[in-house]
PDB file of N, CA and C in Angstrom:
ATOM      1  N   MET A   1       0.826  -1.241  -0.219  1.00  0.00           N
ATOM      2  CA  MET A   1       0.205   0.236  -0.188  1.00  0.00           C
ATOM      3  C   MET A   1       0.863   1.317   0.052  1.00  0.00           C
ATOM      4  N   THR A   2       0.486   2.164  -0.781  1.00  0.00           N
ATOM      5  CA  THR A   2       1.476   3.341  -0.780  1.00  0.00           C
ATOM      6  C   THR A   2       0.771   4.383   0.143  1.00  0.00           C
ATOM      7  N   GLY A   3       1.537   5.768   0.271  1.00  0.00           N
ATOM      8  CA  GLY A   3       1.057   6.807   0.952  1.00  0.00           C
ATOM      9  C   GLY A   3      -0.143   7.068   0.172  1.00  0.00           C
ATOM     10  N   GLU A   4      -0.120   7.146  -0.844  1.00  0.00           N
ATOM     11  CA  GLU A   4      -1.536   7.977  -1.894  1.00  0.00           C
ATOM     12  C   GLU A   4      -2.814   6.738  -1.550  1.00  0.00           C
ATOM     13  N   GLU A   5      -2.633   5.726  -1.408  1.00  0.00           N
ATOM     14  CA  GLU A   5      -3.864   4.808  -1.464  1.00  0.00           C
ATOM     15  C   GLU A   5      -4.175   5.057  -0.152  1.00  0.00           C
ATOM     16  N   LEU A   6      -3.472   5.042   0.769  1.00  0.00           N
ATOM     17  CA  LEU A   6      -3.727   5.013   2.229  1.00  0.00           C
ATOM     18  C   LEU A   6      -4.484   6.448   2.304  1.00  0.00           C
ATOM     19  N   ARG A   7      -3.969   7.565   1.796  1.00  0.00           N
ATOM     20  CA  ARG A   7      -5.229   8.762   2.080  1.00  0.00           C
ATOM     21  C   ARG A   7      -6.521   8.892   1.159  1.00  0.00           C
ATOM     22  N   HIS A   8      -6.530   7.877   0.158  1.00  0.00           N
ATOM     23  CA  HIS A   8      -7.585   7.854  -0.351  1.00  0.00           C
ATOM     24  C   HIS A   8      -8.671   6.936   0.518  1.00  0.00           C
ATOM     25  N   ALA A   9      -7.784   5.936   1.069  1.00  0.00           N
ATOM     26  CA  ALA A   9      -8.636   4.691   1.841  1.00  0.00           C
ATOM     27  C   ALA A   9      -9.093   5.581   3.131  1.00  0.00           C
ATOM     28  N   ARG A  10      -8.674   6.605   3.532  1.00  0.00           N
ATOM     29  CA  ARG A  10      -9.180   7.371   4.760  1.00  0.00           C
ATOM     30  C   ARG A  10     -10.365   8.166   4.277  1.00  0.00           C
ATOM     31  N   ALA A  11     -10.433   8.807   3.042  1.00  0.00           N
ATOM     32  CA  ALA A  11     -11.497   9.372   2.374  1.00  0.00           C
ATOM     33  C   ALA A  11     -12.764   8.251   2.393  1.00  0.00           C
ATOM     34  N   ARG A  12     -12.575   7.070   1.521  1.00  0.00           N
ATOM     35  CA  ARG A  12     -13.101   6.405   1.375  1.00  0.00           C
ATOM     36  C   ARG A  12     -14.085   5.587   2.867  1.00  0.00           C
ATOM     37  N   LEU A  13     -13.061   5.656   3.971  1.00  0.00           N
ATOM     38  CA  LEU A  13     -13.779   4.920   5.322  1.00  0.00           C
ATOM     39  C   LEU A  13     -14.351   6.015   5.948  1.00  0.00           C
ATOM     40  N   GLY A  14     -14.136   7.191   5.714  1.00  0.00           N
ATOM     41  CA  GLY A  14     -15.168   8.192   5.972  1.00  0.00           C
ATOM     42  C   GLY A  14     -16.573   7.982   5.448  1.00  0.00           C
ATOM     43  N   ALA A  15     -16.766   7.967   3.921  1.00  0.00           N
ATOM     44  CA  ALA A  15     -18.301   7.553   3.411  1.00  0.00           C
ATOM     45  C   ALA A  15     -18.643   6.535   3.905  1.00  0.00           C
ATOM     46  N   LEU A  16     -17.734   5.371   4.120  1.00  0.00           N
ATOM     47  CA  LEU A  16     -18.410   3.864   4.553  1.00  0.00           C
ATOM     48  C   LEU A  16     -18.886   4.311   5.914  1.00  0.00           C
ATOM     49  N   TRP A  17     -18.668   4.961   6.812  1.00  0.00           N
ATOM     50  CA  TRP A  17     -18.987   5.259   8.000  1.00  0.00           C
ATOM     51  C   TRP A  17     -19.776   6.147   7.852  1.00  0.00           C
ATOM     52  N   ARG A  18     -20.049   7.022   6.773  1.00  0.00           N
ATOM     53  CA  ARG A  18     -21.092   8.030   6.812  1.00  0.00           C
ATOM     54  C   ARG A  18     -20.825   9.318   7.780  1.00  0.00           C
ATOM     55  N   LEU A  19     -19.346   9.441   7.565  1.00  0.00           N
ATOM     56  CA  LEU A  19     -19.123  10.710   8.780  1.00  0.00           C
ATOM     57  C   LEU A  19     -19.196  11.870   8.009  1.00  0.00           C
ATOM     58  N   GLY A  20     -18.985  11.861   6.834  1.00  0.00           N
ATOM     59  CA  GLY A  20     -19.230  12.804   5.934  1.00  0.00           C
ATOM     60  C   GLY A  20     -17.927  13.731   5.658  1.00  0.00           C
ATOM     61  N   ARG A  21     -16.843  13.240   6.002  1.00  0.00           N
ATOM     62  CA  ARG A  21     -15.803  13.642   5.959  1.00  0.00           C
ATOM     63  C   ARG A  21     -14.912  12.306   5.731  1.00  0.00           C
ATOM     64  N   PRO A  22     -13.464  12.692   5.323  1.00  0.00           N
ATOM     65  CA  PRO A  22     -12.255  11.808   5.846  1.00  0.00           C
ATOM     66  C   PRO A  22     -12.083  11.085   7.148  1.00  0.00           C
ATOM     67  N   VAL A  23     -11.933   9.937   7.321  1.00  0.00           N
ATOM     68  CA  VAL A  23     -11.463   9.746   8.570  1.00  0.00           C
ATOM     69  C   VAL A  23     -10.168  10.359   9.097  1.00  0.00           C
ATOM     70  N   ALA A  24      -9.888  11.180   9.833  1.00  0.00           N
ATOM     71  CA  ALA A  24      -8.694  12.114  10.490  1.00  0.00           C
ATOM     72  C   ALA A  24      -7.409  11.183  10.580  1.00  0.00           C
ATOM     73  N   LEU A  25      -6.418  11.486  10.717  1.00  0.00           N
ATOM     74  CA  LEU A  25      -5.011  10.852  10.856  1.00  0.00           C
ATOM     75  C   LEU A  25      -5.366  10.378  11.960  1.00  0.00           C
ATOM     76  N   THR A  26      -5.354  11.317  12.819  1.00  0.00           N
ATOM     77  CA  THR A  26      -5.273  10.532  14.332  1.00  0.00           C
ATOM     78  C   THR A  26      -6.520   9.512  14.545  1.00  0.00           C
ATOM     79  N   GLU A  27      -7.370   9.589  14.019  1.00  0.00           N
ATOM     80  CA  GLU A  27      -8.227   8.469  14.301  1.00  0.00           C
ATOM     81  C   GLU A  27      -8.044   7.605  13.596  1.00  0.00           C
ATOM     82  N   LEU A  28      -6.958   7.488  12.416  1.00  0.00           N
ATOM     83  CA  LEU A  28      -6.700   6.187  12.055  1.00  0.00           C
ATOM     84  C   LEU A  28      -5.647   5.503  12.624  1.00  0.00           C
ATOM     85  N   GLY A  29      -4.893   6.413  13.688  1.00  0.00           N
ATOM     86  CA  GLY A  29      -3.775   5.873  14.204  1.00  0.00           C
ATOM     87  C   GLY A  29      -4.349   5.429  15.217  1.00  0.00           C
ATOM     88  N   ARG A  30      -5.590   5.651  16.048  1.00  0.00           N
ATOM     89  CA  ARG A  30      -6.259   5.065  17.263  1.00  0.00           C
ATOM     90  C   ARG A  30      -6.588   3.761  16.822  1.00  0.00           C
ATOM     91  N   ILE A  31      -7.438   3.910  15.813  1.00  0.00           N
ATOM     92  CA  ILE A  31      -8.353   2.515  15.259  1.00  0.00           C
ATOM     93  C   ILE A  31      -7.257   1.420  15.230  1.00  0.00           C
ATOM     94  N   LEU A  32      -6.104   1.998  14.521  1.00  0.00           N
ATOM     95  CA  LEU A  32      -4.729   0.752  14.113  1.00  0.00           C
ATOM     96  C   LEU A  32      -4.012   0.495  15.616  1.00  0.00           C
ATOM     97  N   GLY A  33      -4.523   1.076  16.379  1.00  0.00           N
ATOM     98  CA  GLY A  33      -3.927   0.904  17.766  1.00  0.00           C
ATOM     99  C   GLY A  33      -2.334   1.114  18.047  1.00  0.00           C
ATOM    100  N   LEU A  34      -2.103   2.380  17.013  1.00  0.00           N
ATOM    101  CA  LEU A  34      -0.683   3.066  17.411  1.00  0.00           C
ATOM    102  C   LEU A  34      -0.171   3.564  18.748  1.00  0.00           C
ATOM    103  N   GLU A  35       0.706   3.590  19.272  1.00  0.00           N
ATOM    104  CA  GLU A  35       1.242   4.132  20.350  1.00  0.00           C
ATOM    105  C   GLU A  35       2.008   5.404  20.090  1.00  0.00           C
ATOM    106  N   GLY A  36       2.088   6.150  21.523  1.00  0.00           N
ATOM    107  CA  GLY A  36       2.656   7.740  21.184  1.00  0.00           C
ATOM    108  C   GLY A  36       1.743   8.742  21.668  1.00  0.00           C
ATOM    109  N   ARG A  37       2.243   9.663  21.769  1.00  0.00           N
ATOM    110  CA  ARG A  37       1.317  11.021  21.816  1.00  0.00           C
ATOM    111  C   ARG A  37       0.544  11.433  20.642  1.00  0.00           C
ATOM    112  N   ASP A  38       1.244  10.982  19.768  1.00  0.00           N
ATOM    113  CA  ASP A  38       0.268  11.503  18.325  1.00  0.00           C
ATOM    114  C   ASP A  38       0.365  10.465  17.336  1.00  0.00           C
ATOM    115  N   GLN A  39      -0.793   9.669  17.492  1.00  0.00           N
ATOM    116  CA  GLN A  39      -1.043   8.608  16.630  1.00  0.00           C
ATOM    117  C   GLN A  39      -0.944   9.132  15.142  1.00  0.00           C
ATOM    118  N   GLY A  40      -1.294  10.197  14.836  1.00  0.00           N
ATOM    119  CA  GLY A  40      -1.993  10.987  13.323  1.00  0.00           C
ATOM    120  C   GLY A  40      -0.473  10.978  12.859  1.00  0.00           C
ATOM    121  N   ALA A  41       0.833  11.154  13.470  1.00  0.00           N
ATOM    122  CA  ALA A  41       2.186  11.769  13.247  1.00  0.00           C
ATOM    123  C   ALA A  41       2.347  10.340  12.257  1.00  0.00           C
ATOM    124  N   THR A  42       2.445   9.227  12.562  1.00  0.00           N
ATOM    125  CA  THR A  42       2.839   8.073  12.042  1.00  0.00           C
ATOM    126  C   THR A  42       1.946   7.894  10.395  1.00  0.00           C
ATOM    127  N   VAL A  43       0.759   7.781  10.880  1.00  0.00           N
ATOM    128  CA  VAL A  43      -0.219   7.852   9.668  1.00  0.00           C
ATOM    129  C   VAL A  43       0.193   9.251   8.677  1.00  0.00           C
ATOM    130  N   ARG A  44       0.482  10.319   9.136  1.00  0.00           N
ATOM    131  CA  ARG A  44       0.969  11.340   8.113  1.00  0.00           C
ATOM    132  C   ARG A  44       2.477  11.211   7.409  1.00  0.00           C
ATOM    133  N   ASP A  45       3.276  10.250   8.304  1.00  0.00           N
ATOM    134  CA  ASP A  45       4.192   9.733   7.700  1.00  0.00           C
ATOM    135  C   ASP A  45       4.378   8.826   6.978  1.00  0.00           C
ATOM    136  N   TRP A  46       3.391   7.962   6.916  1.00  0.00           N
ATOM    137  CA  TRP A  46       3.129   6.923   5.665  1.00  0.00           C
ATOM    138  C   TRP A  46       2.677   7.733   4.778  1.00  0.00           C
ATOM    139  N   GLU A  47       1.754   8.599   4.583  1.00  0.00           N
ATOM    140  CA  GLU A  47       1.116   9.183   3.609  1.00  0.00           C
ATOM    141  C   GLU A  47       2.161   9.576   2.792  1.00  0.00           C
ATOM    142  N   ARG A  48       2.792  10.313   3.022  1.00  0.00           N
ATOM    143  CA  ARG A  48       4.138  11.345   2.773  1.00  0.00           C
ATOM    144  C   ARG A  48       5.169  10.564   2.303  1.00  0.00           C
ATOM    145  N   GLY A  49       5.282   9.401   2.738  1.00  0.00           N
ATOM    146  CA  GLY A  49       6.330   8.244   2.179  1.00  0.00           C
ATOM    147  C   GLY A  49       7.664   8.546   3.212  1.00  0.00           C
ATOM    148  N   LYS A  50       7.308   8.918   4.377  1.00  0.00           N
ATOM    149  CA  LYS A  50       8.756   8.999   5.089  1.00  0.00           C
ATOM    150  C   LYS A  50       9.010   7.550   5.871  1.00  0.00           C
ATOM    151  N   SER A  51       7.773   7.114   5.898  1.00  0.00           N
ATOM    152  CA  SER A  51       8.233   5.444   6.461  1.00  0.00           C
ATOM    153  C   SER A  51       7.124   4.568   5.718  1.00  0.00           C
ATOM    154  N   PRO A  52       7.664   3.351   5.562  1.00  0.00           N
ATOM    155  CA  PRO A  52       6.900   2.410   4.777  1.00  0.00           C
ATOM    156  C   PRO A  52       5.723   1.669   5.729  1.00  0.00           C
ATOM    157  N   ILE A  53       4.446   1.497   4.776  1.00  0.00           N
ATOM    158  CA  ILE A  53       3.361   1.162   5.664  1.00  0.00           C
ATOM    159  C   ILE A  53       3.714  -0.882   5.552  1.00  0.00           C
ATOM    160  N   ARG A  54       3.868  -1.354   6.675  1.00  0.00           N
ATOM    161  CA  ARG A  54       4.019  -2.677   6.773  1.00  0.00           C
ATOM    162  C   ARG A  54       2.933  -3.163   6.414  1.00  0.00           C
ATOM    163  N   GLY A  55       3.028  -4.983   6.243  1.00  0.00           N
ATOM    164  CA  GLY A  55       1.714  -5.412   5.864  1.00  0.00           C
ATOM    165  C   GLY A  55       0.479  -5.512   6.793  1.00  0.00           C
ATOM    166  N   PRO A  56       0.690  -5.792   8.210  1.00  0.00           N
ATOM    167  CA  PRO A  56      -0.165  -5.676   9.013  1.00  0.00           C
ATOM    168  C   PRO A  56      -1.085  -4.659   8.860  1.00  0.00           C
ATOM    169  N   THR A  57      -0.435  -3.142   8.712  1.00  0.00           N
ATOM    170  CA  THR A  57      -1.427  -1.832   8.300  1.00  0.00           C
ATOM    171  C   THR A  57      -2.190  -2.183   7.384  1.00  0.00           C
ATOM    172  N   ALA A  58      -1.717  -2.803   6.116  1.00  0.00           N
ATOM    173  CA  ALA A  58      -2.109  -2.437   4.843  1.00  0.00           C
ATOM    174  C   ALA A  58      -3.664  -3.396   4.946  1.00  0.00           C
ATOM    175  N   LEU A  59      -3.086  -4.964   5.549  1.00  0.00           N
ATOM    176  CA  LEU A  59      -4.231  -5.728   5.670  1.00  0.00           C
ATOM    177  C   LEU A  59      -5.115  -4.960   6.428  1.00  0.00           C
ATOM    178  N   ALA A  60      -5.082  -4.389   7.630  1.00  0.00           N
ATOM    179  CA  ALA A  60      -6.029  -3.943   8.635  1.00  0.00           C
ATOM    180  C   ALA A  60      -7.108  -2.904   7.701  1.00  0.00           C
ATOM    181  N   VAL A  61      -6.116  -2.191   7.037  1.00  0.00           N
ATOM    182  CA  VAL A  61      -6.840  -1.058   6.486  1.00  0.00           C
ATOM    183  C   VAL A  61      -7.669  -1.448   5.013  1.00  0.00           C
ATOM    184  N   ARG A  62      -7.364  -2.694   4.550  1.00  0.00           N
ATOM    185  CA  ARG A  62      -7.787  -3.372   3.474  1.00  0.00           C
ATOM    186  C   ARG A  62      -9.302  -3.653   4.118  1.00  0.00           C
ATOM    187  N   ALA A  63      -8.781  -4.413   5.142  1.00  0.00           N
ATOM    188  CA  ALA A  63     -10.144  -5.217   5.864  1.00  0.00           C
ATOM    189  C   ALA A  63     -11.437  -3.964   6.131  1.00  0.00           C
ATOM    190  N   MET A  64     -10.929  -2.972   6.745  1.00  0.00           N
ATOM    191  CA  MET A  64     -12.022  -2.085   6.651  1.00  0.00           C
ATOM    192  C   MET A  64     -12.695  -1.774   5.434  1.00  0.00           C
ATOM    193  N   LEU A  65     -11.988  -1.563   4.688  1.00  0.00           N
ATOM    194  CA  LEU A  65     -12.697  -1.106   3.331  1.00  0.00           C
ATOM    195  C   LEU A  65     -13.460  -1.913   2.597  1.00  0.00           C
ATOM    196  N   ASP A  66     -13.129  -3.436   3.108  1.00  0.00           N
ATOM    197  CA  ASP A  66     -14.030  -4.278   2.943  1.00  0.00           C
ATOM    198  C   ASP A  66     -15.258  -4.791   3.468  1.00  0.00           C
ATOM    199  N   GLY A  67     -15.365  -3.877   4.626  1.00  0.00           N
ATOM    200  CA  GLY A  67     -16.555  -4.096   5.526  1.00  0.00           C
ATOM    201  C   GLY A  67     -16.317  -4.097   6.959  1.00  0.00           C
ATOM    202  N   TRP A  68     -15.157  -4.869   7.265  1.00  0.00           N
ATOM    203  CA  TRP A  68     -14.797  -5.007   8.989  1.00  0.00           C
ATOM    204  C   TRP A  68     -14.824  -3.656   9.518  1.00  0.00           C
ATOM    205  N   ARG A  69     -15.276  -3.530  10.546  1.00  0.00           N
ATOM    206  CA  ARG A  69     -15.598  -2.110  11.310  1.00  0.00           C
ATOM    207  C   ARG A  69     -15.234  -2.618  12.933  1.00  0.00           C
ATOM    208  N   PRO A  70     -14.204  -1.739  13.568  1.00  0.00           N
ATOM    209  CA  PRO A  70     -13.960  -2.382  14.763  1.00  0.00           C
ATOM    210  C   PRO A  70     -15.204  -1.901  16.120  1.00  0.00           C
ATOM    211  N   LYS A  71     -15.729  -2.777  16.978  1.00  0.00           N
ATOM    212  CA  LYS A  71     -17.000  -2.909  17.560  1.00  0.00           C
ATOM    213  C   LYS A  71     -17.015  -1.205  18.173  1.00  0.00           C
ATOM    214  N   GLU A  72     -15.579  -0.972  18.876  1.00  0.00           N
ATOM    215  CA  GLU A  72     -15.542   0.301  19.484  1.00  0.00           C
ATOM    216  C   GLU A  72     -15.408   1.680  18.454  1.00  0.00           C
ATOM    217  N   LEU A  73     -15.520   1.301  17.338  1.00  0.00           N
ATOM    218  CA  LEU A  73     -15.078   2.577  16.416  1.00  0.00           C
ATOM    219  C   LEU A  73     -15.666   3.816  16.946  1.00  0.00           C
ATOM    220  N   GLU A  74     -16.582   4.376  17.448  1.00  0.00           N
ATOM    221  CA  GLU A  74     -17.433   5.362  17.773  1.00  0.00           C
ATOM    222  C   GLU A  74     -16.190   6.350  19.164  1.00  0.00           C
ATOM    223  N   THR A  75     -15.640   5.336  19.865  1.00  0.00           N
ATOM    224  CA  THR A  75     -14.362   5.795  20.828  1.00  0.00           C
ATOM    225  C   THR A  75     -13.441   6.236  20.153  1.00  0.00           C
ATOM    226  N   PHE A  76     -13.189   5.911  19.011  1.00  0.00           N
ATOM    227  CA  PHE A  76     -12.087   5.805  18.276  1.00  0.00           C
ATOM    228  C   PHE A  76     -12.163   7.223  17.365  1.00  0.00           C
ATOM    229  N   LEU A  77     -12.983   8.091  17.268  1.00  0.00           N
ATOM    230  CA  LEU A  77     -13.477   9.012  16.453  1.00  0.00           C
ATOM    231  C   LEU A  77     -13.546   9.967  17.162  1.00  0.00           C
ATOM    232  N   ARG A  78     -13.125  11.122  16.397  1.00  0.00           N
ATOM    233  CA  ARG A  78     -12.743  12.585  17.284  1.00  0.00           C
ATOM    234  C   ARG A  78     -13.669  12.909  18.700  1.00  0.00           C
ATOM    235  N   ARG A  79     -12.978  13.382  19.480  1.00  0.00           N
ATOM    236  CA  ARG A  79     -13.512  13.231  20.583  1.00  0.00           C
ATOM    237  C   ARG A  79     -13.346  14.755  20.980  1.00  0.00           C
TER     238      ARG A  79
END
C-alpha cells in the first residue's frame, strides 16, 4: 500500500462510515492501535512516504475497506 492509497482509503472509510468527511489522521492511528503521543504523526509519515506501510497495517486498512468495522469505532472517532 502506498501513501496515496492510504490517503484515498481514509476518504473512502469516511464515506463508508457516513462521517461526511475523511477519517482523520489521528483517528486512523487510534483505530490501528498506534502508540505514542500523536498517533496521527505516524499515519502522516506513511502518507508522505517518510516511512513504509507494513503488511499488517495494509491488511487492516483493506479489511476495513471490505466492511470490517471495529466494535468500538465510535470511541476512536473525534473526541
